[in-house]
Amino acid sequence: MKYSILASISLFLFMGCSSTPLPDRSNAALQETANPTYPIHAARNRIEGYVQMSFDISESGDPINIKVIKSVPEQVFDKAAIKALSNWKYAPKVVNGKAVKQKDLEVRLDFKLG
């Protein structure tokens, strides 16, 4: 049995509970993404949801310190979302000619069946 699966990715970089991206956080330029793998048990049961995560971006542009803030339904998509985000690549933020770590960014990955 085949499933048509779409994992849509909504990228929001913000602090706290605000849903509006802040201009000073927009310099986290996403260069490369790895789409999450839709968990088979969720697809079979027609489950959709999302995972909101916090993370930092290292000086080399790698997401680090990934933490799940909220997931709906809980723990169904967490592993797939963390694995996908850990494979993303960002352009490092450069200050005075030197790459610096970016902290306290957030992203939400929506899992929807297509």
PDB file of N, CA and C in Angstrom:
ATOM      1  N   MET A   1       0.838  -1.165   0.000  1.00  0.00           N
ATOM      2  CA  MET A   1       0.000   0.000   0.000  1.00  0.00           C
ATOM      3  C   MET A   1       0.891   1.239   0.000  1.00  0.00           C
ATOM      4  N   LYS A   2       0.602   2.182  -0.908  1.00  0.00           N
ATOM      5  CA  LYS A   2       1.386   3.403  -1.008  1.00  0.00           C
ATOM      6  C   LYS A   2       0.617   4.562  -0.389  1.00  0.00           C
ATOM      7  N   TYR A   3       1.378   5.473   0.202  1.00  0.00           N
ATOM      8  CA  TYR A   3       0.800   6.681   0.767  1.00  0.00           C
ATOM      9  C   TYR A   3       1.403   7.875   0.080  1.00  0.00           C
ATOM     10  N   SER A   4       0.567   8.810  -0.250  1.00  0.00           N
ATOM     11  CA  SER A   4       1.056  10.084  -0.751  1.00  0.00           C
ATOM     12  C   SER A   4       1.267  10.959   0.479  1.00  0.00           C
ATOM     13  N   ILE A   5       2.519  11.261   0.754  1.00  0.00           N
ATOM     14  CA  ILE A   5       2.835  11.954   1.997  1.00  0.00           C
ATOM     15  C   ILE A   5       3.530  13.270   1.707  1.00  0.00           C
ATOM     16  N   LEU A   6       3.096  14.286   2.386  1.00  0.00           N
ATOM     17  CA  LEU A   6       3.700  15.603   2.262  1.00  0.00           C
ATOM     18  C   LEU A   6       4.084  16.076   3.655  1.00  0.00           C
ATOM     19  N   ALA A   7       5.312  16.380   3.845  1.00  0.00           N
ATOM     20  CA  ALA A   7       5.747  16.991   5.106  1.00  0.00           C
ATOM     21  C   ALA A   7       6.074  18.434   4.782  1.00  0.00           C
ATOM     22  N   SER A   8       5.225  19.326   5.192  1.00  0.00           N
ATOM     23  CA  SER A   8       5.481  20.735   4.894  1.00  0.00           C
ATOM     24  C   SER A   8       6.257  21.346   6.046  1.00  0.00           C
ATOM     25  N   ILE A   9       7.109  22.260   5.710  1.00  0.00           N
ATOM     26  CA  ILE A   9       7.994  22.867   6.694  1.00  0.00           C
ATOM     27  C   ILE A   9       7.694  24.352   6.773  1.00  0.00           C
ATOM     28  N   SER A  10       7.296  24.777   7.948  1.00  0.00           N
ATOM     29  CA  SER A  10       7.082  26.201   8.180  1.00  0.00           C
ATOM     30  C   SER A  10       8.218  26.681   9.055  1.00  0.00           C
ATOM     31  N   LEU A  11       8.989  27.619   8.561  1.00  0.00           N
ATOM     32  CA  LEU A  11      10.138  28.110   9.307  1.00  0.00           C
ATOM     33  C   LEU A  11       9.804  29.454   9.913  1.00  0.00           C
ATOM     34  N   PHE A  12       9.789  29.499  11.227  1.00  0.00           N
ATOM     35  CA  PHE A  12       9.564  30.740  11.945  1.00  0.00           C
ATOM     36  C   PHE A  12      10.717  30.920  12.907  1.00  0.00           C
ATOM     37  N   LEU A  13      11.420  32.008  12.787  1.00  0.00           N
ATOM     38  CA  LEU A  13      12.490  32.326  13.712  1.00  0.00           C
ATOM     39  C   LEU A  13      11.968  33.430  14.615  1.00  0.00           C
ATOM     40  N   PHE A  14      11.756  33.102  15.867  1.00  0.00           N
ATOM     41  CA  PHE A  14      11.225  34.083  16.779  1.00  0.00           C
ATOM     42  C   PHE A  14      11.591  33.749  18.208  1.00  0.00           C
ATOM     43  N   MET A  15      11.335  34.689  19.087  1.00  0.00           N
ATOM     44  CA  MET A  15      11.608  34.499  20.502  1.00  0.00           C
ATOM     45  C   MET A  15      10.279  34.388  21.239  1.00  0.00           C
ATOM     46  N   GLY A  16      10.286  33.663  22.348  1.00  0.00           N
ATOM     47  CA  GLY A  16       9.103  33.562  23.190  1.00  0.00           C
ATOM     48  C   GLY A  16       7.924  32.963  22.464  1.00  0.00           C
ATOM     49  N   CYS A  17       6.739  33.510  22.706  1.00  0.00           N
ATOM     50  CA  CYS A  17       5.515  32.959  22.133  1.00  0.00           C
ATOM     51  C   CYS A  17       5.030  33.726  20.915  1.00  0.00           C
ATOM     52  N   SER A  18       5.788  34.700  20.487  1.00  0.00           N
ATOM     53  CA  SER A  18       5.396  35.495  19.334  1.00  0.00           C
ATOM     54  C   SER A  18       5.376  34.639  18.078  1.00  0.00           C
ATOM     55  N   SER A  19       4.392  34.841  17.242  1.00  0.00           N
ATOM     56  CA  SER A  19       4.350  34.103  15.980  1.00  0.00           C
ATOM     57  C   SER A  19       4.839  34.964  14.819  1.00  0.00           C
ATOM     58  N   THR A  20       5.307  36.152  15.122  1.00  0.00           N
ATOM     59  CA  THR A  20       5.813  37.048  14.097  1.00  0.00           C
ATOM     60  C   THR A  20       7.336  36.985  14.071  1.00  0.00           C
ATOM     61  N   PRO A  21       7.921  36.658  12.922  1.00  0.00           N
ATOM     62  CA  PRO A  21       9.381  36.648  12.850  1.00  0.00           C
ATOM     63  C   PRO A  21       9.948  38.023  13.159  1.00  0.00           C
ATOM     64  N   LEU A  22      11.001  38.059  13.940  1.00  0.00           N
ATOM     65  CA  LEU A  22      11.644  39.324  14.270  1.00  0.00           C
ATOM     66  C   LEU A  22      12.689  39.664  13.217  1.00  0.00           C
ATOM     67  N   PRO A  23      12.764  40.913  12.773  1.00  0.00           N
ATOM     68  CA  PRO A  23      13.719  41.287  11.735  1.00  0.00           C
ATOM     69  C   PRO A  23      15.159  40.977  12.094  1.00  0.00           C
ATOM     70  N   ASP A  24      15.549  41.132  13.369  1.00  0.00           N
ATOM     71  CA  ASP A  24      16.940  40.901  13.734  1.00  0.00           C
ATOM     72  C   ASP A  24      17.297  39.414  13.774  1.00  0.00           C
ATOM     73  N   ARG A  25      16.329  38.531  13.637  1.00  0.00           N
ATOM     74  CA  ARG A  25      16.581  37.091  13.602  1.00  0.00           C
ATOM     75  C   ARG A  25      16.554  36.553  12.167  1.00  0.00           C
ATOM     76  N   SER A  26      16.208  37.402  11.209  1.00  0.00           N
ATOM     77  CA  SER A  26      16.033  36.938   9.837  1.00  0.00           C
ATOM     78  C   SER A  26      17.346  36.636   9.129  1.00  0.00           C
ATOM     79  N   ASN A  27      18.476  36.889   9.794  1.00  0.00           N
ATOM     80  CA  ASN A  27      19.762  36.633   9.160  1.00  0.00           C
ATOM     81  C   ASN A  27      20.168  35.167   9.252  1.00  0.00           C
ATOM     82  N   ALA A  28      19.286  34.297   9.696  1.00  0.00           N
ATOM     83  CA  ALA A  28      19.562  32.864   9.704  1.00  0.00           C
ATOM     84  C   ALA A  28      19.151  32.325   8.335  1.00  0.00           C
ATOM     85  N   ALA A  29      20.044  32.445   7.383  1.00  0.00           N
ATOM     86  CA  ALA A  29      19.735  32.065   6.009  1.00  0.00           C
ATOM     87  C   ALA A  29      19.837  30.558   5.831  1.00  0.00           C
ATOM     88  N   LEU A  30      18.705  29.941   5.572  1.00  0.00           N
ATOM     89  CA  LEU A  30      18.646  28.503   5.367  1.00  0.00           C
ATOM     90  C   LEU A  30      19.210  28.176   3.996  1.00  0.00           C
ATOM     91  N   GLN A  31      20.239  27.332   3.964  1.00  0.00           N
ATOM     92  CA  GLN A  31      20.871  26.965   2.704  1.00  0.00           C
ATOM     93  C   GLN A  31      20.372  25.627   2.176  1.00  0.00           C
ATOM     94  N   GLU A  32      20.114  24.703   3.062  1.00  0.00           N
ATOM     95  CA  GLU A  32      19.809  23.345   2.638  1.00  0.00           C
ATOM     96  C   GLU A  32      18.896  22.695   3.662  1.00  0.00           C
ATOM     97  N   THR A  33      17.847  22.009   3.202  1.00  0.00           N
ATOM     98  CA  THR A  33      16.968  21.298   4.123  1.00  0.00           C
ATOM     99  C   THR A  33      16.882  19.832   3.749  1.00  0.00           C
ATOM    100  N   ALA A  34      16.626  19.029   4.744  1.00  0.00           N
ATOM    101  CA  ALA A  34      16.314  17.611   4.542  1.00  0.00           C
ATOM    102  C   ALA A  34      14.873  17.444   4.996  1.00  0.00           C
ATOM    103  N   ASN A  35      14.017  17.017   4.089  1.00  0.00           N
ATOM    104  CA  ASN A  35      12.621  16.829   4.465  1.00  0.00           C
ATOM    105  C   ASN A  35      12.489  15.699   5.469  1.00  0.00           C
ATOM    106  N   PRO A  36      11.605  15.873   6.453  1.00  0.00           N
ATOM    107  CA  PRO A  36      11.402  14.800   7.426  1.00  0.00           C
ATOM    108  C   PRO A  36      10.742  13.590   6.781  1.00  0.00           C
ATOM    109  N   THR A  37      11.015  12.437   7.335  1.00  0.00           N
ATOM    110  CA  THR A  37      10.372  11.204   6.898  1.00  0.00           C
ATOM    111  C   THR A  37       9.089  11.040   7.698  1.00  0.00           C
ATOM    112  N   TYR A  38       7.988  10.875   7.016  1.00  0.00           N
ATOM    113  CA  TYR A  38       6.700  10.705   7.700  1.00  0.00           C
ATOM    114  C   TYR A  38       6.681   9.332   8.353  1.00  0.00           C
ATOM    115  N   PRO A  39       6.471   9.255   9.667  1.00  0.00           N
ATOM    116  CA  PRO A  39       6.447   7.945  10.333  1.00  0.00           C
ATOM    117  C   PRO A  39       5.352   7.042   9.760  1.00  0.00           C
ATOM    118  N   ILE A  40       5.690   5.801   9.497  1.00  0.00           N
ATOM    119  CA  ILE A  40       4.763   4.858   8.866  1.00  0.00           C
ATOM    120  C   ILE A  40       3.501   4.679   9.693  1.00  0.00           C
ATOM    121  N   HIS A  41       3.655   4.533  11.020  1.00  0.00           N
ATOM    122  CA  HIS A  41       2.466   4.317  11.856  1.00  0.00           C
ATOM    123  C   HIS A  41       1.527   5.518  11.823  1.00  0.00           C
ATOM    124  N   ALA A  42       2.078   6.716  11.687  1.00  0.00           N
ATOM    125  CA  ALA A  42       1.245   7.913  11.598  1.00  0.00           C
ATOM    126  C   ALA A  42       0.523   7.961  10.256  1.00  0.00           C
ATOM    127  N   ALA A  43       1.214   7.588   9.190  1.00  0.00           N
ATOM    128  CA  ALA A  43       0.587   7.568   7.865  1.00  0.00           C
ATOM    129  C   ALA A  43      -0.534   6.535   7.804  1.00  0.00           C
ATOM    130  N   ARG A  44      -0.270   5.353   8.320  1.00  0.00           N
ATOM    131  CA  ARG A  44      -1.294   4.290   8.309  1.00  0.00           C
ATOM    132  C   ARG A  44      -2.536   4.696   9.074  1.00  0.00           C
ATOM    133  N   ASN A  45      -2.351   5.456  10.137  1.00  0.00           N
ATOM    134  CA  ASN A  45      -3.474   5.884  10.967  1.00  0.00           C
ATOM    135  C   ASN A  45      -3.989   7.269  10.611  1.00  0.00           C
ATOM    136  N   ARG A  46      -3.482   7.808   9.491  1.00  0.00           N
ATOM    137  CA  ARG A  46      -3.912   9.118   8.978  1.00  0.00           C
ATOM    138  C   ARG A  46      -3.759  10.224  10.019  1.00  0.00           C
ATOM    139  N   ILE A  47      -2.659  10.192  10.746  1.00  0.00           N
ATOM    140  CA  ILE A  47      -2.383  11.181  11.783  1.00  0.00           C
ATOM    141  C   ILE A  47      -1.575  12.330  11.196  1.00  0.00           C
ATOM    142  N   GLU A  48      -2.016  13.546  11.465  1.00  0.00           N
ATOM    143  CA  GLU A  48      -1.284  14.745  11.078  1.00  0.00           C
ATOM    144  C   GLU A  48      -0.935  15.521  12.342  1.00  0.00           C
ATOM    145  N   GLY A  49       0.038  16.412  12.242  1.00  0.00           N
ATOM    146  CA  GLY A  49       0.407  17.197  13.410  1.00  0.00           C
ATOM    147  C   GLY A  49       1.585  18.104  13.125  1.00  0.00           C
ATOM    148  N   TYR A  50       2.260  18.508  14.186  1.00  0.00           N
ATOM    149  CA  TYR A  50       3.424  19.382  14.026  1.00  0.00           C
ATOM    150  C   TYR A  50       4.374  19.213  15.201  1.00  0.00           C
ATOM    151  N   VAL A  51       5.603  19.688  14.991  1.00  0.00           N
ATOM    152  CA  VAL A  51       6.618  19.711  16.043  1.00  0.00           C
ATOM    153  C   VAL A  51       7.265  21.090  16.022  1.00  0.00           C
ATOM    154  N   GLN A  52       7.233  21.759  17.156  1.00  0.00           N
ATOM    155  CA  GLN A  52       7.900  23.054  17.301  1.00  0.00           C
ATOM    156  C   GLN A  52       9.164  22.811  18.113  1.00  0.00           C
ATOM    157  N   MET A  53      10.311  23.280  17.583  1.00  0.00           N
ATOM    158  CA  MET A  53      11.598  23.034  18.223  1.00  0.00           C
ATOM    159  C   MET A  53      12.367  24.333  18.401  1.00  0.00           C
ATOM    160  N   SER A  54      13.229  24.346  19.418  1.00  0.00           N
ATOM    161  CA  SER A  54      14.187  25.431  19.588  1.00  0.00           C
ATOM    162  C   SER A  54      15.561  24.865  19.255  1.00  0.00           C
ATOM    163  N   PHE A  55      16.460  25.745  18.816  1.00  0.00           N
ATOM    164  CA  PHE A  55      17.797  25.300  18.442  1.00  0.00           C
ATOM    165  C   PHE A  55      18.727  26.492  18.337  1.00  0.00           C
ATOM    166  N   ASP A  56      20.002  26.194  18.286  1.00  0.00           N
ATOM    167  CA  ASP A  56      21.032  27.189  18.024  1.00  0.00           C
ATOM    168  C   ASP A  56      21.666  26.840  16.684  1.00  0.00           C
ATOM    169  N   ILE A  57      22.364  27.796  16.088  1.00  0.00           N
ATOM    170  CA  ILE A  57      23.121  27.536  14.860  1.00  0.00           C
ATOM    171  C   ILE A  57      24.590  27.755  15.194  1.00  0.00           C
ATOM    172  N   SER A  58      25.395  26.740  14.949  1.00  0.00           N
ATOM    173  CA  SER A  58      26.827  26.810  15.260  1.00  0.00           C
ATOM    174  C   SER A  58      27.541  27.761  14.301  1.00  0.00           C
ATOM    175  N   GLU A  59      28.796  28.029  14.615  1.00  0.00           N
ATOM    176  CA  GLU A  59      29.611  28.891  13.772  1.00  0.00           C
ATOM    177  C   GLU A  59      29.789  28.325  12.368  1.00  0.00           C
ATOM    178  N   SER A  60      29.627  27.011  12.228  1.00  0.00           N
ATOM    179  CA  SER A  60      29.753  26.381  10.910  1.00  0.00           C
ATOM    180  C   SER A  60      28.411  26.245  10.193  1.00  0.00           C
ATOM    181  N   GLY A  61      27.319  26.705  10.818  1.00  0.00           N
ATOM    182  CA  GLY A  61      26.009  26.686  10.175  1.00  0.00           C
ATOM    183  C   GLY A  61      25.165  25.459  10.479  1.00  0.00           C
ATOM    184  N   ASP A  62      25.592  24.646  11.441  1.00  0.00           N
ATOM    185  CA  ASP A  62      24.851  23.429  11.793  1.00  0.00           C
ATOM    186  C   ASP A  62      23.882  23.689  12.942  1.00  0.00           C
ATOM    187  N   PRO A  63      22.637  23.172  12.858  1.00  0.00           N
ATOM    188  CA  PRO A  63      21.723  23.267  13.991  1.00  0.00           C
ATOM    189  C   PRO A  63      22.245  22.411  15.149  1.00  0.00           C
ATOM    190  N   ILE A  64      22.293  23.002  16.342  1.00  0.00           N
ATOM    191  CA  ILE A  64      22.757  22.299  17.531  1.00  0.00           C
ATOM    192  C   ILE A  64      21.793  22.601  18.680  1.00  0.00           C
ATOM    193  N   ASN A  65      21.922  21.847  19.756  1.00  0.00           N
ATOM    194  CA  ASN A  65      21.081  22.035  20.952  1.00  0.00           C
ATOM    195  C   ASN A  65      19.592  22.007  20.606  1.00  0.00           C
ATOM    196  N   ILE A  66      19.198  21.046  19.789  1.00  0.00           N
ATOM    197  CA  ILE A  66      17.806  20.929  19.342  1.00  0.00           C
ATOM    198  C   ILE A  66      16.947  20.382  20.475  1.00  0.00           C
ATOM    199  N   LYS A  67      15.844  21.081  20.741  1.00  0.00           N
ATOM    200  CA  LYS A  67      14.914  20.661  21.788  1.00  0.00           C
ATOM    201  C   LYS A  67      13.488  20.804  21.284  1.00  0.00           C
ATOM    202  N   VAL A  68      12.646  19.830  21.593  1.00  0.00           N
ATOM    203  CA  VAL A  68      11.235  19.913  21.246  1.00  0.00           C
ATOM    204  C   VAL A  68      10.541  20.787  22.281  1.00  0.00           C
ATOM    205  N   ILE A  69       9.858  21.811  21.801  1.00  0.00           N
ATOM    206  CA  ILE A  69       9.095  22.703  22.676  1.00  0.00           C
ATOM    207  C   ILE A  69       7.674  22.180  22.818  1.00  0.00           C
ATOM    208  N   LYS A  70       7.100  21.804  21.677  1.00  0.00           N
ATOM    209  CA  LYS A  70       5.722  21.318  21.674  1.00  0.00           C
ATOM    210  C   LYS A  70       5.529  20.425  20.461  1.00  0.00           C
ATOM    211  N   SER A  71       4.810  19.355  20.654  1.00  0.00           N
ATOM    212  CA  SER A  71       4.449  18.504  19.518  1.00  0.00           C
ATOM    213  C   SER A  71       3.007  18.049  19.677  1.00  0.00           C
ATOM    214  N   VAL A  72       2.309  18.020  18.548  1.00  0.00           N
ATOM    215  CA  VAL A  72       0.913  17.614  18.509  1.00  0.00           C
ATOM    216  C   VAL A  72       0.744  16.640  17.370  1.00  0.00           C
ATOM    217  N   PRO A  73       0.290  15.425  17.662  1.00  0.00           N
ATOM    218  CA  PRO A  73       0.193  14.783  18.968  1.00  0.00           C
ATOM    219  C   PRO A  73       1.589  14.539  19.551  1.00  0.00           C
ATOM    220  N   GLU A  74       1.645  14.441  20.855  1.00  0.00           N
ATOM    221  CA  GLU A  74       2.925  14.313  21.541  1.00  0.00           C
ATOM    222  C   GLU A  74       3.690  13.075  21.100  1.00  0.00           C
ATOM    223  N   GLN A  75       4.967  13.259  20.805  1.00  0.00           N
ATOM    224  CA  GLN A  75       5.967  12.240  20.507  1.00  0.00           C
ATOM    225  C   GLN A  75       5.720  11.407  19.248  1.00  0.00           C
ATOM    226  N   VAL A  76       4.730  11.753  18.447  1.00  0.00           N
ATOM    227  CA  VAL A  76       4.480  10.999  17.209  1.00  0.00           C
ATOM    228  C   VAL A  76       5.503  11.368  16.138  1.00  0.00           C
ATOM    229  N   PHE A  77       5.795  12.663  16.004  1.00  0.00           N
ATOM    230  CA  PHE A  77       6.668  13.145  14.941  1.00  0.00           C
ATOM    231  C   PHE A  77       8.015  13.664  15.450  1.00  0.00           C
ATOM    232  N   ASP A  78       8.258  13.597  16.754  1.00  0.00           N
ATOM    233  CA  ASP A  78       9.449  14.199  17.353  1.00  0.00           C
ATOM    234  C   ASP A  78      10.753  13.694  16.729  1.00  0.00           C
ATOM    235  N   LYS A  79      10.926  12.385  16.653  1.00  0.00           N
ATOM    236  CA  LYS A  79      12.189  11.830  16.130  1.00  0.00           C
ATOM    237  C   LYS A  79      12.422  12.239  14.681  1.00  0.00           C
ATOM    238  N   ALA A  80      11.386  12.183  13.866  1.00  0.00           N
ATOM    239  CA  ALA A  80      11.521  12.552  12.452  1.00  0.00           C
ATOM    240  C   ALA A  80      11.867  14.031  12.307  1.00  0.00           C
ATOM    241  N   ALA A  81      11.254  14.870  13.132  1.00  0.00           N
ATOM    242  CA  ALA A  81      11.514  16.314  13.060  1.00  0.00           C
ATOM    243  C   ALA A  81      12.934  16.642  13.509  1.00  0.00           C
ATOM    244  N   ILE A  82      13.373  16.040  14.609  1.00  0.00           N
ATOM    245  CA  ILE A  82      14.729  16.280  15.107  1.00  0.00           C
ATOM    246  C   ILE A  82      15.762  15.803  14.092  1.00  0.00           C
ATOM    247  N   LYS A  83      15.537  14.637  13.513  1.00  0.00           N
ATOM    248  CA  LYS A  83      16.478  14.100  12.528  1.00  0.00           C
ATOM    249  C   LYS A  83      16.569  15.021  11.309  1.00  0.00           C
ATOM    250  N   ALA A  84      15.431  15.506  10.831  1.00  0.00           N
ATOM    251  CA  ALA A  84      15.434  16.401   9.667  1.00  0.00           C
ATOM    252  C   ALA A  84      16.169  17.701   9.985  1.00  0.00           C
ATOM    253  N   LEU A  85      15.821  18.334  11.109  1.00  0.00           N
ATOM    254  CA  LEU A  85      16.460  19.600  11.467  1.00  0.00           C
ATOM    255  C   LEU A  85      17.960  19.440  11.666  1.00  0.00           C
ATOM    256  N   SER A  86      18.377  18.331  12.235  1.00  0.00           N
ATOM    257  CA  SER A  86      19.812  18.130  12.474  1.00  0.00           C
ATOM    258  C   SER A  86      20.597  18.005  11.171  1.00  0.00           C
ATOM    259  N   ASN A  87      19.909  17.739  10.060  1.00  0.00           N
ATOM    260  CA  ASN A  87      20.566  17.637   8.758  1.00  0.00           C
ATOM    261  C   ASN A  87      20.456  18.918   7.924  1.00  0.00           C
ATOM    262  N   TRP A  88      19.827  19.948   8.465  1.00  0.00           N
ATOM    263  CA  TRP A  88      19.730  21.218   7.754  1.00  0.00           C
ATOM    264  C   TRP A  88      21.066  21.942   7.825  1.00  0.00           C
ATOM    265  N   LYS A  89      21.253  22.868   6.933  1.00  0.00           N
ATOM    266  CA  LYS A  89      22.489  23.662   6.902  1.00  0.00           C
ATOM    267  C   LYS A  89      22.107  25.124   6.719  1.00  0.00           C
ATOM    268  N   TYR A  90      22.699  25.977   7.545  1.00  0.00           N
ATOM    269  CA  TYR A  90      22.465  27.415   7.491  1.00  0.00           C
ATOM    270  C   TYR A  90      23.746  28.133   7.092  1.00  0.00           C
ATOM    271  N   ALA A  91      23.598  29.303   6.517  1.00  0.00           N
ATOM    272  CA  ALA A  91      24.750  30.173   6.294  1.00  0.00           C
ATOM    273  C   ALA A  91      25.110  30.749   7.657  1.00  0.00           C
ATOM    274  N   PRO A  92      26.346  30.620   8.084  1.00  0.00           N
ATOM    275  CA  PRO A  92      26.717  31.151   9.406  1.00  0.00           C
ATOM    276  C   PRO A  92      26.545  32.665   9.472  1.00  0.00           C
ATOM    277  N   LYS A  93      26.153  33.145  10.647  1.00  0.00           N
ATOM    278  CA  LYS A  93      26.071  34.582  10.862  1.00  0.00           C
ATOM    279  C   LYS A  93      27.494  35.102  11.027  1.00  0.00           C
ATOM    280  N   VAL A  94      27.809  36.192  10.341  1.00  0.00           N
ATOM    281  CA  VAL A  94      29.155  36.760  10.401  1.00  0.00           C
ATOM    282  C   VAL A  94      29.085  38.142  11.041  1.00  0.00           C
ATOM    283  N   VAL A  95      29.886  38.335  12.083  1.00  0.00           N
ATOM    284  CA  VAL A  95      29.987  39.616  12.773  1.00  0.00           C
ATOM    285  C   VAL A  95      31.458  40.015  12.788  1.00  0.00           C
ATOM    286  N   ASN A  96      31.749  41.193  12.265  1.00  0.00           N
ATOM    287  CA  ASN A  96      33.129  41.682  12.180  1.00  0.00           C
ATOM    288  C   ASN A  96      34.054  40.674  11.497  1.00  0.00           C
ATOM    289  N   GLY A  97      33.548  40.041  10.447  1.00  0.00           N
ATOM    290  CA  GLY A  97      34.352  39.108   9.678  1.00  0.00           C
ATOM    291  C   GLY A  97      34.529  37.727  10.295  1.00  0.00           C
ATOM    292  N   LYS A  98      33.836  37.455  11.402  1.00  0.00           N
ATOM    293  CA  LYS A  98      33.985  36.171  12.078  1.00  0.00           C
ATOM    294  C   LYS A  98      32.623  35.502  12.257  1.00  0.00           C
ATOM    295  N   ALA A  99      32.556  34.202  11.945  1.00  0.00           N
ATOM    296  CA  ALA A  99      31.322  33.451  12.134  1.00  0.00           C
ATOM    297  C   ALA A  99      31.021  33.328  13.624  1.00  0.00           C
ATOM    298  N   VAL A 100      29.742  33.556  13.982  1.00  0.00           N
ATOM    299  CA  VAL A 100      29.329  33.479  15.379  1.00  0.00           C
ATOM    300  C   VAL A 100      28.106  32.575  15.524  1.00  0.00           C
ATOM    301  N   LYS A 101      27.950  32.034  16.721  1.00  0.00           N
ATOM    302  CA  LYS A 101      26.805  31.176  17.029  1.00  0.00           C
ATOM    303  C   LYS A 101      25.543  32.034  17.134  1.00  0.00           C
ATOM    304  N   GLN A 102      24.438  31.493  16.631  1.00  0.00           N
ATOM    305  CA  GLN A 102      23.137  32.134  16.794  1.00  0.00           C
ATOM    306  C   GLN A 102      22.346  31.291  17.784  1.00  0.00           C
ATOM    307  N   LYS A 103      21.701  31.943  18.725  1.00  0.00           N
ATOM    308  CA  LYS A 103      21.013  31.219  19.791  1.00  0.00           C
ATOM    309  C   LYS A 103      19.518  31.490  19.796  1.00  0.00           C
ATOM    310  N   ASP A 104      18.809  30.544  20.393  1.00  0.00           N
ATOM    311  CA  ASP A 104      17.382  30.676  20.688  1.00  0.00           C
ATOM    312  C   ASP A 104      16.515  30.903  19.456  1.00  0.00           C
ATOM    313  N   LEU A 105      16.719  30.097  18.420  1.00  0.00           N
ATOM    314  CA  LEU A 105      15.881  30.138  17.236  1.00  0.00           C
ATOM    315  C   LEU A 105      14.809  29.066  17.369  1.00  0.00           C
ATOM    316  N   GLU A 106      13.738  29.213  16.637  1.00  0.00           N
ATOM    317  CA  GLU A 106      12.666  28.229  16.670  1.00  0.00           C
ATOM    318  C   GLU A 106      12.203  27.903  15.263  1.00  0.00           C
ATOM    319  N   VAL A 107      11.733  26.694  15.111  1.00  0.00           N
ATOM    320  CA  VAL A 107      11.169  26.248  13.845  1.00  0.00           C
ATOM    321  C   VAL A 107       9.993  25.329  14.139  1.00  0.00           C
ATOM    322  N   ARG A 108       9.021  25.349  13.264  1.00  0.00           N
ATOM    323  CA  ARG A 108       7.866  24.451  13.379  1.00  0.00           C
ATOM    324  C   ARG A 108       7.783  23.637  12.097  1.00  0.00           C
ATOM    325  N   LEU A 109       7.750  22.325  12.232  1.00  0.00           N
ATOM    326  CA  LEU A 109       7.572  21.434  11.096  1.00  0.00           C
ATOM    327  C   LEU A 109       6.167  20.864  11.154  1.00  0.00           C
ATOM    328  N   ASP A 110       5.395  21.096  10.101  1.00  0.00           N
ATOM    329  CA  ASP A 110       4.031  20.583  10.002  1.00  0.00           C
ATOM    330  C   ASP A 110       4.050  19.284   9.218  1.00  0.00           C
ATOM    331  N   PHE A 111       3.390  18.281   9.737  1.00  0.00           N
ATOM    332  CA  PHE A 111       3.282  16.985   9.075  1.00  0.00           C
ATOM    333  C   PHE A 111       1.843  16.815   8.594  1.00  0.00           C
ATOM    334  N   LYS A 112       1.674  16.811   7.265  1.00  0.00           N
ATOM    335  CA  LYS A 112       0.341  16.694   6.674  1.00  0.00           C
ATOM    336  C   LYS A 112       0.358  15.650   5.585  1.00  0.00           C
ATOM    337  N   LEU A 113      -0.679  14.866   5.536  1.00  0.00           N
ATOM    338  CA  LEU A 113      -0.816  13.851   4.489  1.00  0.00           C
ATOM    339  C   LEU A 113      -1.325  14.529   3.228  1.00  0.00           C
ATOM    340  N   GLY A 114      -0.693  14.220   2.095  1.00  0.00           N
ATOM    341  CA  GLY A 114      -1.063  14.858   0.841  1.00  0.00           C
ATOM    342  C   GLY A 114      -2.067  14.052   0.076  1.00  0.00           C
TER     343      GLY A 114
END
